[in-house]
């Protein structure tokens, strides 16, 4: 079986956590296919800002963020748009259906 690229790679990146300019400490994280990572961020603004950063909508301050092995900042706009089309994103304060398991909600 051929090796596959990680779904998400964050390498020593400082990510914005909102409009006030707050940044994370340098983060390194690799998410492989089939893995699930749950992050507990403070409030919906921080969660949205973090999601924007890992989806390539906001550049990290230092380090890099890559999706499927491709650094968001090194790809042309049409490739970036196509890559973002492969990402599902939940919005809102309570997007989970309470009668379903986490796996069923995904």
PDB file of N, CA and C in Angstrom:
ATOM      1  N   UNK A   1       0.831  -1.179   0.000  1.00  0.00           N
ATOM      2  CA  UNK A   1       0.000   0.000   0.000  1.00  0.00           C
ATOM      3  C   UNK A   1       0.882   1.250   0.000  1.00  0.00           C
ATOM      4  N   UNK A   2       0.581   2.193  -0.835  1.00  0.00           N
ATOM      5  CA  UNK A   2       1.395   3.399  -0.962  1.00  0.00           C
ATOM      6  C   UNK A   2       1.164   4.318   0.233  1.00  0.00           C
ATOM      7  N   UNK A   3       2.217   5.040   0.620  1.00  0.00           N
ATOM      8  CA  UNK A   3       2.075   6.025   1.680  1.00  0.00           C
ATOM      9  C   UNK A   3       1.195   7.158   1.193  1.00  0.00           C
ATOM     10  N   UNK A   4       0.376   7.675   2.090  1.00  0.00           N
ATOM     11  CA  UNK A   4      -0.450   8.823   1.740  1.00  0.00           C
ATOM     12  C   UNK A   4      -0.021  10.015   2.576  1.00  0.00           C
ATOM     13  N   UNK A   5      -0.247  11.182   2.037  1.00  0.00           N
ATOM     14  CA  UNK A   5       0.109  12.408   2.747  1.00  0.00           C
ATOM     15  C   UNK A   5      -0.816  12.596   3.939  1.00  0.00           C
ATOM     16  N   UNK A   6      -0.322  13.231   4.993  1.00  0.00           N
ATOM     17  CA  UNK A   6      -1.208  13.561   6.107  1.00  0.00           C
ATOM     18  C   UNK A   6      -2.341  14.471   5.623  1.00  0.00           C
ATOM     19  N   UNK A   7      -3.467  14.398   6.286  1.00  0.00           N
ATOM     20  CA  UNK A   7      -4.587  15.281   5.968  1.00  0.00           C
ATOM     21  C   UNK A   7      -4.210  16.729   6.281  1.00  0.00           C
ATOM     22  N   UNK A   8      -3.622  16.923   7.459  1.00  0.00           N
ATOM     23  CA  UNK A   8      -3.249  18.271   7.895  1.00  0.00           C
ATOM     24  C   UNK A   8      -1.887  18.214   8.559  1.00  0.00           C
ATOM     25  N   UNK A   9      -1.039  19.164   8.205  1.00  0.00           N
ATOM     26  CA  UNK A   9       0.252  19.317   8.870  1.00  0.00           C
ATOM     27  C   UNK A   9       0.403  20.773   9.277  1.00  0.00           C
ATOM     28  N   UNK A  10       0.608  20.976  10.551  1.00  0.00           N
ATOM     29  CA  UNK A  10       0.933  22.309  11.071  1.00  0.00           C
ATOM     30  C   UNK A  10       2.334  22.184  11.641  1.00  0.00           C
ATOM     31  N   UNK A  11       3.264  22.961  11.124  1.00  0.00           N
ATOM     32  CA  UNK A  11       4.663  22.860  11.544  1.00  0.00           C
ATOM     33  C   UNK A  11       5.149  24.186  12.100  1.00  0.00           C
ATOM     34  N   UNK A  12       5.291  24.243  13.424  1.00  0.00           N
ATOM     35  CA  UNK A  12       5.821  25.429  14.103  1.00  0.00           C
ATOM     36  C   UNK A  12       5.129  26.714  13.647  1.00  0.00           C
ATOM     37  N   UNK A  13       3.816  26.641  13.434  1.00  0.00           N
ATOM     38  CA  UNK A  13       3.059  27.804  12.964  1.00  0.00           C
ATOM     39  C   UNK A  13       2.400  28.530  14.135  1.00  0.00           C
ATOM     40  N   UNK A  14       2.449  29.828  14.081  1.00  0.00           N
ATOM     41  CA  UNK A  14       1.696  30.667  15.022  1.00  0.00           C
ATOM     42  C   UNK A  14       0.439  31.098  14.284  1.00  0.00           C
ATOM     43  N   UNK A  15      -0.721  30.708  14.822  1.00  0.00           N
ATOM     44  CA  UNK A  15      -1.982  30.959  14.141  1.00  0.00           C
ATOM     45  C   UNK A  15      -2.779  32.034  14.857  1.00  0.00           C
ATOM     46  N   UNK A  16      -3.459  32.892  14.086  1.00  0.00           N
ATOM     47  CA  UNK A  16      -4.286  33.928  14.705  1.00  0.00           C
ATOM     48  C   UNK A  16      -5.507  33.301  15.368  1.00  0.00           C
ATOM     49  N   UNK A  17      -5.918  33.878  16.504  1.00  0.00           N
ATOM     50  CA  UNK A  17      -7.086  33.375  17.212  1.00  0.00           C
ATOM     51  C   UNK A  17      -8.204  34.414  17.311  1.00  0.00           C
ATOM     52  N   UNK A  18      -8.207  35.363  16.425  1.00  0.00           N
ATOM     53  CA  UNK A  18      -9.282  36.346  16.436  1.00  0.00           C
ATOM     54  C   UNK A  18      -8.836  37.685  15.911  1.00  0.00           C
ATOM     55  N   UNK A  19      -9.768  38.605  15.863  1.00  0.00           N
ATOM     56  CA  UNK A  19      -9.500  39.915  15.282  1.00  0.00           C
ATOM     57  C   UNK A  19      -8.662  40.804  16.195  1.00  0.00           C
ATOM     58  N   UNK A  20      -8.455  40.401  17.451  1.00  0.00           N
ATOM     59  CA  UNK A  20      -7.678  41.227  18.378  1.00  0.00           C
ATOM     60  C   UNK A  20      -6.170  41.041  18.228  1.00  0.00           C
ATOM     61  N   UNK A  21      -5.741  40.183  17.298  1.00  0.00           N
ATOM     62  CA  UNK A  21      -4.322  39.983  17.051  1.00  0.00           C
ATOM     63  C   UNK A  21      -3.684  38.906  17.912  1.00  0.00           C
ATOM     64  N   UNK A  22      -4.460  38.266  18.774  1.00  0.00           N
ATOM     65  CA  UNK A  22      -3.939  37.185  19.612  1.00  0.00           C
ATOM     66  C   UNK A  22      -3.445  36.050  18.728  1.00  0.00           C
ATOM     67  N   UNK A  23      -2.263  35.542  19.057  1.00  0.00           N
ATOM     68  CA  UNK A  23      -1.664  34.440  18.296  1.00  0.00           C
ATOM     69  C   UNK A  23      -1.436  33.262  19.226  1.00  0.00           C
ATOM     70  N   UNK A  24      -1.454  32.076  18.649  1.00  0.00           N
ATOM     71  CA  UNK A  24      -1.096  30.889  19.421  1.00  0.00           C
ATOM     72  C   UNK A  24       0.413  30.861  19.606  1.00  0.00           C
ATOM     73  N   UNK A  25       0.855  30.075  20.549  1.00  0.00           N
ATOM     74  CA  UNK A  25       2.272  29.727  20.608  1.00  0.00           C
ATOM     75  C   UNK A  25       2.532  28.870  19.371  1.00  0.00           C
ATOM     76  N   UNK A  26       3.780  28.671  18.974  1.00  0.00           N
ATOM     77  CA  UNK A  26       4.033  27.809  17.809  1.00  0.00           C
ATOM     78  C   UNK A  26       3.396  26.426  18.005  1.00  0.00           C
ATOM     79  N   UNK A  27       2.644  25.993  17.011  1.00  0.00           N
ATOM     80  CA  UNK A  27       1.935  24.718  17.060  1.00  0.00           C
ATOM     81  C   UNK A  27       2.530  23.777  16.022  1.00  0.00           C
ATOM     82  N   UNK A  28       2.683  22.521  16.405  1.00  0.00           N
ATOM     83  CA  UNK A  28       3.027  21.458  15.462  1.00  0.00           C
ATOM     84  C   UNK A  28       2.030  20.329  15.675  1.00  0.00           C
ATOM     85  N   UNK A  29       1.395  19.913  14.595  1.00  0.00           N
ATOM     86  CA  UNK A  29       0.375  18.878  14.664  1.00  0.00           C
ATOM     87  C   UNK A  29       0.299  18.201  13.306  1.00  0.00           C
ATOM     88  N   UNK A  30       0.200  16.879  13.328  1.00  0.00           N
ATOM     89  CA  UNK A  30      -0.007  16.123  12.095  1.00  0.00           C
ATOM     90  C   UNK A  30      -1.229  15.241  12.285  1.00  0.00           C
ATOM     91  N   UNK A  31      -2.166  15.337  11.331  1.00  0.00           N
ATOM     92  CA  UNK A  31      -3.375  14.515  11.364  1.00  0.00           C
ATOM     93  C   UNK A  31      -3.335  13.587  10.162  1.00  0.00           C
ATOM     94  N   UNK A  32      -3.282  12.298  10.447  1.00  0.00           N
ATOM     95  CA  UNK A  32      -3.219  11.272   9.402  1.00  0.00           C
ATOM     96  C   UNK A  32      -4.632  10.866   8.975  1.00  0.00           C
ATOM     97  N   UNK A  33      -4.781  10.288   7.788  1.00  0.00           N
ATOM     98  CA  UNK A  33      -6.099   9.797   7.369  1.00  0.00           C
ATOM     99  C   UNK A  33      -6.678   8.841   8.420  1.00  0.00           C
ATOM    100  N   UNK A  34      -7.943   9.036   8.738  1.00  0.00           N
ATOM    101  CA  UNK A  34      -8.620   8.194   9.714  1.00  0.00           C
ATOM    102  C   UNK A  34      -8.519   8.672  11.146  1.00  0.00           C
ATOM    103  N   UNK A  35      -7.675   9.652  11.414  1.00  0.00           N
ATOM    104  CA  UNK A  35      -7.547  10.175  12.773  1.00  0.00           C
ATOM    105  C   UNK A  35      -8.583  11.271  13.014  1.00  0.00           C
ATOM    106  N   UNK A  36      -8.933  11.443  14.271  1.00  0.00           N
ATOM    107  CA  UNK A  36      -9.857  12.487  14.691  1.00  0.00           C
ATOM    108  C   UNK A  36      -9.170  13.312  15.758  1.00  0.00           C
ATOM    109  N   UNK A  37      -9.201  14.621  15.600  1.00  0.00           N
ATOM    110  CA  UNK A  37      -8.626  15.519  16.588  1.00  0.00           C
ATOM    111  C   UNK A  37      -9.716  16.500  16.994  1.00  0.00           C
ATOM    112  N   UNK A  38      -9.970  16.587  18.295  1.00  0.00           N
ATOM    113  CA  UNK A  38     -10.916  17.559  18.812  1.00  0.00           C
ATOM    114  C   UNK A  38     -10.138  18.615  19.575  1.00  0.00           C
ATOM    115  N   UNK A  39     -10.394  19.872  19.255  1.00  0.00           N
ATOM    116  CA  UNK A  39      -9.714  20.980  19.917  1.00  0.00           C
ATOM    117  C   UNK A  39     -10.717  21.725  20.775  1.00  0.00           C
ATOM    118  N   UNK A  40     -10.307  22.093  21.961  1.00  0.00           N
ATOM    119  CA  UNK A  40     -11.154  22.869  22.863  1.00  0.00           C
ATOM    120  C   UNK A  40     -10.642  24.299  22.851  1.00  0.00           C
ATOM    121  N   UNK A  41     -11.270  25.126  22.036  1.00  0.00           N
ATOM    122  CA  UNK A  41     -10.871  26.527  21.925  1.00  0.00           C
ATOM    123  C   UNK A  41     -11.870  27.386  22.673  1.00  0.00           C
ATOM    124  N   UNK A  42     -11.431  28.562  23.100  1.00  0.00           N
ATOM    125  CA  UNK A  42     -12.264  29.448  23.893  1.00  0.00           C
ATOM    126  C   UNK A  42     -13.152  30.278  22.972  1.00  0.00           C
ATOM    127  N   UNK A  43     -14.394  29.897  22.870  1.00  0.00           N
ATOM    128  CA  UNK A  43     -15.372  30.689  22.147  1.00  0.00           C
ATOM    129  C   UNK A  43     -15.395  30.446  20.653  1.00  0.00           C
ATOM    130  N   UNK A  44     -16.513  30.811  20.038  1.00  0.00           N
ATOM    131  CA  UNK A  44     -16.684  30.584  18.605  1.00  0.00           C
ATOM    132  C   UNK A  44     -15.761  31.434  17.729  1.00  0.00           C
ATOM    133  N   UNK A  45     -15.361  32.615  18.191  1.00  0.00           N
ATOM    134  CA  UNK A  45     -14.456  33.439  17.384  1.00  0.00           C
ATOM    135  C   UNK A  45     -13.092  32.784  17.259  1.00  0.00           C
ATOM    136  N   UNK A  46     -12.580  32.224  18.348  1.00  0.00           N
ATOM    137  CA  UNK A  46     -11.290  31.551  18.292  1.00  0.00           C
ATOM    138  C   UNK A  46     -11.378  30.293  17.439  1.00  0.00           C
ATOM    139  N   UNK A  47     -12.469  29.558  17.567  1.00  0.00           N
ATOM    140  CA  UNK A  47     -12.644  28.345  16.768  1.00  0.00           C
ATOM    141  C   UNK A  47     -12.693  28.686  15.280  1.00  0.00           C
ATOM    142  N   UNK A  48     -13.439  29.729  14.919  1.00  0.00           N
ATOM    143  CA  UNK A  48     -13.541  30.132  13.510  1.00  0.00           C
ATOM    144  C   UNK A  48     -12.192  30.625  12.989  1.00  0.00           C
ATOM    145  N   UNK A  49     -11.460  31.390  13.791  1.00  0.00           N
ATOM    146  CA  UNK A  49     -10.152  31.898  13.365  1.00  0.00           C
ATOM    147  C   UNK A  49      -9.167  30.751  13.162  1.00  0.00           C
ATOM    148  N   UNK A  50      -9.185  29.772  14.057  1.00  0.00           N
ATOM    149  CA  UNK A  50      -8.303  28.617  13.920  1.00  0.00           C
ATOM    150  C   UNK A  50      -8.661  27.833  12.655  1.00  0.00           C
ATOM    151  N   UNK A  51      -9.956  27.609  12.435  1.00  0.00           N
ATOM    152  CA  UNK A  51     -10.401  26.883  11.236  1.00  0.00           C
ATOM    153  C   UNK A  51     -10.007  27.643   9.973  1.00  0.00           C
ATOM    154  N   UNK A  52     -10.143  28.967   9.972  1.00  0.00           N
ATOM    155  CA  UNK A  52      -9.720  29.769   8.818  1.00  0.00           C
ATOM    156  C   UNK A  52      -8.238  29.563   8.524  1.00  0.00           C
ATOM    157  N   UNK A  53      -7.436  29.517   9.578  1.00  0.00           N
ATOM    158  CA  UNK A  53      -5.984  29.353   9.404  1.00  0.00           C
ATOM    159  C   UNK A  53      -5.639  27.979   8.846  1.00  0.00           C
ATOM    160  N   UNK A  54      -6.255  26.923   9.359  1.00  0.00           N
ATOM    161  CA  UNK A  54      -5.894  25.597   8.862  1.00  0.00           C
ATOM    162  C   UNK A  54      -6.514  25.301   7.499  1.00  0.00           C
ATOM    163  N   UNK A  55      -7.500  26.105   7.094  1.00  0.00           N
ATOM    164  CA  UNK A  55      -8.076  25.966   5.746  1.00  0.00           C
ATOM    165  C   UNK A  55      -7.385  26.882   4.745  1.00  0.00           C
ATOM    166  N   UNK A  56      -6.315  27.553   5.172  1.00  0.00           N
ATOM    167  CA  UNK A  56      -5.547  28.383   4.255  1.00  0.00           C
ATOM    168  C   UNK A  56      -6.155  29.737   3.953  1.00  0.00           C
ATOM    169  N   UNK A  57      -7.167  30.146   4.717  1.00  0.00           N
ATOM    170  CA  UNK A  57      -7.776  31.455   4.480  1.00  0.00           C
ATOM    171  C   UNK A  57      -6.981  32.583   5.122  1.00  0.00           C
ATOM    172  N   UNK A  58      -6.177  32.229   6.122  1.00  0.00           N
ATOM    173  CA  UNK A  58      -5.336  33.194   6.832  1.00  0.00           C
ATOM    174  C   UNK A  58      -3.941  32.590   6.926  1.00  0.00           C
ATOM    175  N   UNK A  59      -2.938  33.369   6.591  1.00  0.00           N
ATOM    176  CA  UNK A  59      -1.558  32.861   6.639  1.00  0.00           C
ATOM    177  C   UNK A  59      -1.064  32.758   8.073  1.00  0.00           C
ATOM    178  N   UNK A  60      -0.301  31.708   8.360  1.00  0.00           N
ATOM    179  CA  UNK A  60       0.309  31.612   9.690  1.00  0.00           C
ATOM    180  C   UNK A  60       1.434  32.637   9.818  1.00  0.00           C
ATOM    181  N   UNK A  61       1.741  32.996  11.039  1.00  0.00           N
ATOM    182  CA  UNK A  61       2.882  33.872  11.302  1.00  0.00           C
ATOM    183  C   UNK A  61       4.045  32.964  11.661  1.00  0.00           C
ATOM    184  N   UNK A  62       4.817  32.627  10.668  1.00  0.00           N
ATOM    185  CA  UNK A  62       5.908  31.679  10.851  1.00  0.00           C
ATOM    186  C   UNK A  62       5.405  30.262  10.669  1.00  0.00           C
ATOM    187  N   UNK A  63       6.297  29.366  10.386  1.00  0.00           N
ATOM    188  CA  UNK A  63       5.937  27.976  10.193  1.00  0.00           C
ATOM    189  C   UNK A  63       5.130  27.769   8.921  1.00  0.00           C
ATOM    190  N   UNK A  64       4.426  26.621   8.867  1.00  0.00           N
ATOM    191  CA  UNK A  64       3.627  26.350   7.682  1.00  0.00           C
ATOM    192  C   UNK A  64       2.411  25.520   8.034  1.00  0.00           C
ATOM    193  N   UNK A  65       1.400  25.624   7.185  1.00  0.00           N
ATOM    194  CA  UNK A  65       0.190  24.820   7.299  1.00  0.00           C
ATOM    195  C   UNK A  65      -0.022  24.165   5.935  1.00  0.00           C
ATOM    196  N   UNK A  66      -0.158  22.838   5.938  1.00  0.00           N
ATOM    197  CA  UNK A  66      -0.321  22.107   4.683  1.00  0.00           C
ATOM    198  C   UNK A  66      -1.530  21.178   4.778  1.00  0.00           C
ATOM    199  N   UNK A  67      -2.245  21.072   3.671  1.00  0.00           N
ATOM    200  CA  UNK A  67      -3.393  20.177   3.551  1.00  0.00           C
ATOM    201  C   UNK A  67      -3.079  19.177   2.451  1.00  0.00           C
ATOM    202  N   UNK A  68      -3.198  17.888   2.760  1.00  0.00           N
ATOM    203  CA  UNK A  68      -2.871  16.815   1.812  1.00  0.00           C
ATOM    204  C   UNK A  68      -1.467  16.979   1.227  1.00  0.00           C
ATOM    205  N   UNK A  69      -0.540  17.424   2.077  1.00  0.00           N
ATOM    206  CA  UNK A  69       0.848  17.575   1.667  1.00  0.00           C
ATOM    207  C   UNK A  69       1.164  18.842   0.898  1.00  0.00           C
ATOM    208  N   UNK A  70       0.168  19.705   0.717  1.00  0.00           N
ATOM    209  CA  UNK A  70       0.385  20.937  -0.057  1.00  0.00           C
ATOM    210  C   UNK A  70       0.307  22.155   0.859  1.00  0.00           C
ATOM    211  N   UNK A  71       1.375  22.929   0.861  1.00  0.00           N
ATOM    212  CA  UNK A  71       1.423  24.153   1.649  1.00  0.00           C
ATOM    213  C   UNK A  71       0.475  25.160   1.013  1.00  0.00           C
ATOM    214  N   UNK A  72      -0.477  25.658   1.800  1.00  0.00           N
ATOM    215  CA  UNK A  72      -1.470  26.594   1.253  1.00  0.00           C
ATOM    216  C   UNK A  72      -0.813  27.785   0.544  1.00  0.00           C
ATOM    217  N   UNK A  73       0.265  28.304   1.092  1.00  0.00           N
ATOM    218  CA  UNK A  73       0.877  29.515   0.538  1.00  0.00           C
ATOM    219  C   UNK A  73       1.656  29.265  -0.749  1.00  0.00           C
ATOM    220  N   UNK A  74       1.944  27.998  -1.084  1.00  0.00           N
ATOM    221  CA  UNK A  74       2.731  27.703  -2.282  1.00  0.00           C
ATOM    222  C   UNK A  74       1.885  27.272  -3.470  1.00  0.00           C
ATOM    223  N   UNK A  75       0.581  27.192  -3.306  1.00  0.00           N
ATOM    224  CA  UNK A  75      -0.296  26.704  -4.368  1.00  0.00           C
ATOM    225  C   UNK A  75      -0.990  27.861  -5.083  1.00  0.00           C
ATOM    226  N   UNK A  76      -1.240  27.715  -6.394  1.00  0.00           N
ATOM    227  CA  UNK A  76      -1.974  28.752  -7.133  1.00  0.00           C
ATOM    228  C   UNK A  76      -3.444  28.782  -6.686  1.00  0.00           C
ATOM    229  N   UNK A  77      -4.118  29.911  -6.878  1.00  0.00           N
ATOM    230  CA  UNK A  77      -5.496  30.071  -6.404  1.00  0.00           C
ATOM    231  C   UNK A  77      -6.466  28.976  -6.853  1.00  0.00           C
ATOM    232  N   UNK A  78      -6.354  28.496  -8.094  1.00  0.00           N
ATOM    233  CA  UNK A  78      -7.294  27.468  -8.540  1.00  0.00           C
ATOM    234  C   UNK A  78      -7.081  26.148  -7.784  1.00  0.00           C
ATOM    235  N   UNK A  79      -5.833  25.810  -7.468  1.00  0.00           N
ATOM    236  CA  UNK A  79      -5.547  24.604  -6.686  1.00  0.00           C
ATOM    237  C   UNK A  79      -6.052  24.748  -5.253  1.00  0.00           C
ATOM    238  N   UNK A  80      -5.834  25.942  -4.685  1.00  0.00           N
ATOM    239  CA  UNK A  80      -6.297  26.209  -3.323  1.00  0.00           C
ATOM    240  C   UNK A  80      -7.815  26.066  -3.248  1.00  0.00           C
ATOM    241  N   UNK A  81      -8.527  26.615  -4.218  1.00  0.00           N
ATOM    242  CA  UNK A  81      -9.990  26.497  -4.235  1.00  0.00           C
ATOM    243  C   UNK A  81     -10.426  25.040  -4.343  1.00  0.00           C
ATOM    244  N   UNK A  82      -9.748  24.275  -5.187  1.00  0.00           N
ATOM    245  CA  UNK A  82     -10.090  22.860  -5.349  1.00  0.00           C
ATOM    246  C   UNK A  82      -9.811  22.083  -4.058  1.00  0.00           C
ATOM    247  N   UNK A  83      -8.707  22.393  -3.388  1.00  0.00           N
ATOM    248  CA  UNK A  83      -8.395  21.725  -2.130  1.00  0.00           C
ATOM    249  C   UNK A  83      -9.438  22.058  -1.062  1.00  0.00           C
ATOM    250  N   UNK A  84      -9.827  23.328  -0.972  1.00  0.00           N
ATOM    251  CA  UNK A  84     -10.829  23.715   0.022  1.00  0.00           C
ATOM    252  C   UNK A  84     -12.170  23.042  -0.235  1.00  0.00           C
ATOM    253  N   UNK A  85     -12.451  22.697  -1.478  1.00  0.00           N
ATOM    254  CA  UNK A  85     -13.687  21.997  -1.807  1.00  0.00           C
ATOM    255  C   UNK A  85     -13.755  20.610  -1.196  1.00  0.00           C
ATOM    256  N   UNK A  86     -12.637  20.097  -0.723  1.00  0.00           N
ATOM    257  CA  UNK A  86     -12.587  18.766  -0.102  1.00  0.00           C
ATOM    258  C   UNK A  86     -12.750  18.821   1.411  1.00  0.00           C
ATOM    259  N   UNK A  87     -12.955  20.021   1.956  1.00  0.00           N
ATOM    260  CA  UNK A  87     -13.041  20.196   3.405  1.00  0.00           C
ATOM    261  C   UNK A  87     -14.485  20.471   3.798  1.00  0.00           C
ATOM    262  N   UNK A  88     -14.974  19.707   4.749  1.00  0.00           N
ATOM    263  CA  UNK A  88     -16.290  19.972   5.332  1.00  0.00           C
ATOM    264  C   UNK A  88     -16.103  20.768   6.612  1.00  0.00           C
ATOM    265  N   UNK A  89     -16.953  21.745   6.816  1.00  0.00           N
ATOM    266  CA  UNK A  89     -16.788  22.604   7.988  1.00  0.00           C
ATOM    267  C   UNK A  89     -18.157  22.899   8.593  1.00  0.00           C
ATOM    268  N   UNK A  90     -18.249  22.720   9.903  1.00  0.00           N
ATOM    269  CA  UNK A  90     -19.491  23.014  10.614  1.00  0.00           C
ATOM    270  C   UNK A  90     -19.446  24.437  11.135  1.00  0.00           C
ATOM    271  N   UNK A  91     -20.574  25.111  11.061  1.00  0.00           N
ATOM    272  CA  UNK A  91     -20.668  26.481  11.566  1.00  0.00           C
ATOM    273  C   UNK A  91     -21.777  26.540  12.602  1.00  0.00           C
ATOM    274  N   UNK A  92     -21.687  27.463  13.484  1.00  0.00           N
ATOM    275  CA  UNK A  92     -22.733  27.638  14.482  1.00  0.00           C
ATOM    276  C   UNK A  92     -22.246  27.268  15.867  1.00  0.00           C
ATOM    277  N   UNK A  93     -23.095  27.547  16.842  1.00  0.00           N
ATOM    278  CA  UNK A  93     -22.689  27.325  18.225  1.00  0.00           C
ATOM    279  C   UNK A  93     -22.935  25.896  18.685  1.00  0.00           C
ATOM    280  N   UNK A  94     -23.873  25.184  18.081  1.00  0.00           N
ATOM    281  CA  UNK A  94     -24.145  23.807  18.494  1.00  0.00           C
ATOM    282  C   UNK A  94     -24.498  22.966  17.269  1.00  0.00           C
ATOM    283  N   UNK A  95     -23.512  22.632  16.444  1.00  0.00           N
ATOM    284  CA  UNK A  95     -23.806  21.931  15.195  1.00  0.00           C
ATOM    285  C   UNK A  95     -24.045  20.429  15.353  1.00  0.00           C
ATOM    286  N   UNK A  96     -23.767  19.874  16.528  1.00  0.00           N
ATOM    287  CA  UNK A  96     -23.884  18.429  16.718  1.00  0.00           C
ATOM    288  C   UNK A  96     -25.329  18.043  16.992  1.00  0.00           C
ATOM    289  N   UNK A  97     -25.751  16.930  16.411  1.00  0.00           N
ATOM    290  CA  UNK A  97     -27.070  16.367  16.683  1.00  0.00           C
ATOM    291  C   UNK A  97     -26.944  15.505  17.930  1.00  0.00           C
ATOM    292  N   UNK A  98     -27.622  15.884  18.994  1.00  0.00           N
ATOM    293  CA  UNK A  98     -27.397  15.275  20.308  1.00  0.00           C
ATOM    294  C   UNK A  98     -27.795  13.806  20.376  1.00  0.00           C
ATOM    295  N   UNK A  99     -28.695  13.338  19.546  1.00  0.00           N
ATOM    296  CA  UNK A  99     -29.136  11.949  19.599  1.00  0.00           C
ATOM    297  C   UNK A  99     -28.228  11.021  18.793  1.00  0.00           C
ATOM    298  N   UNK A 100     -27.200  11.579  18.156  1.00  0.00           N
ATOM    299  CA  UNK A 100     -26.289  10.775  17.360  1.00  0.00           C
ATOM    300  C   UNK A 100     -24.917  10.716  18.038  1.00  0.00           C
ATOM    301  N   UNK A 101     -24.157   9.674  17.740  1.00  0.00           N
ATOM    302  CA  UNK A 101     -22.783   9.576  18.245  1.00  0.00           C
ATOM    303  C   UNK A 101     -21.894  10.548  17.471  1.00  0.00           C
ATOM    304  N   UNK A 102     -20.677  10.735  17.954  1.00  0.00           N
ATOM    305  CA  UNK A 102     -19.722  11.583  17.242  1.00  0.00           C
ATOM    306  C   UNK A 102     -19.491  11.036  15.834  1.00  0.00           C
ATOM    307  N   UNK A 103     -19.282   9.729  15.714  1.00  0.00           N
ATOM    308  CA  UNK A 103     -19.041   9.115  14.400  1.00  0.00           C
ATOM    309  C   UNK A 103     -20.228   9.344  13.461  1.00  0.00           C
ATOM    310  N   UNK A 104     -21.447   9.211  13.971  1.00  0.00           N
ATOM    311  CA  UNK A 104     -22.628   9.436  13.126  1.00  0.00           C
ATOM    312  C   UNK A 104     -22.739  10.907  12.717  1.00  0.00           C
ATOM    313  N   UNK A 105     -22.405  11.826  13.619  1.00  0.00           N
ATOM    314  CA  UNK A 105     -22.421  13.242  13.275  1.00  0.00           C
ATOM    315  C   UNK A 105     -21.418  13.567  12.194  1.00  0.00           C
ATOM    316  N   UNK A 106     -20.264  12.902  12.220  1.00  0.00           N
ATOM    317  CA  UNK A 106     -19.256  13.159  11.193  1.00  0.00           C
ATOM    318  C   UNK A 106     -19.759  12.672   9.863  1.00  0.00           C
TER     319      UNK A 106
END
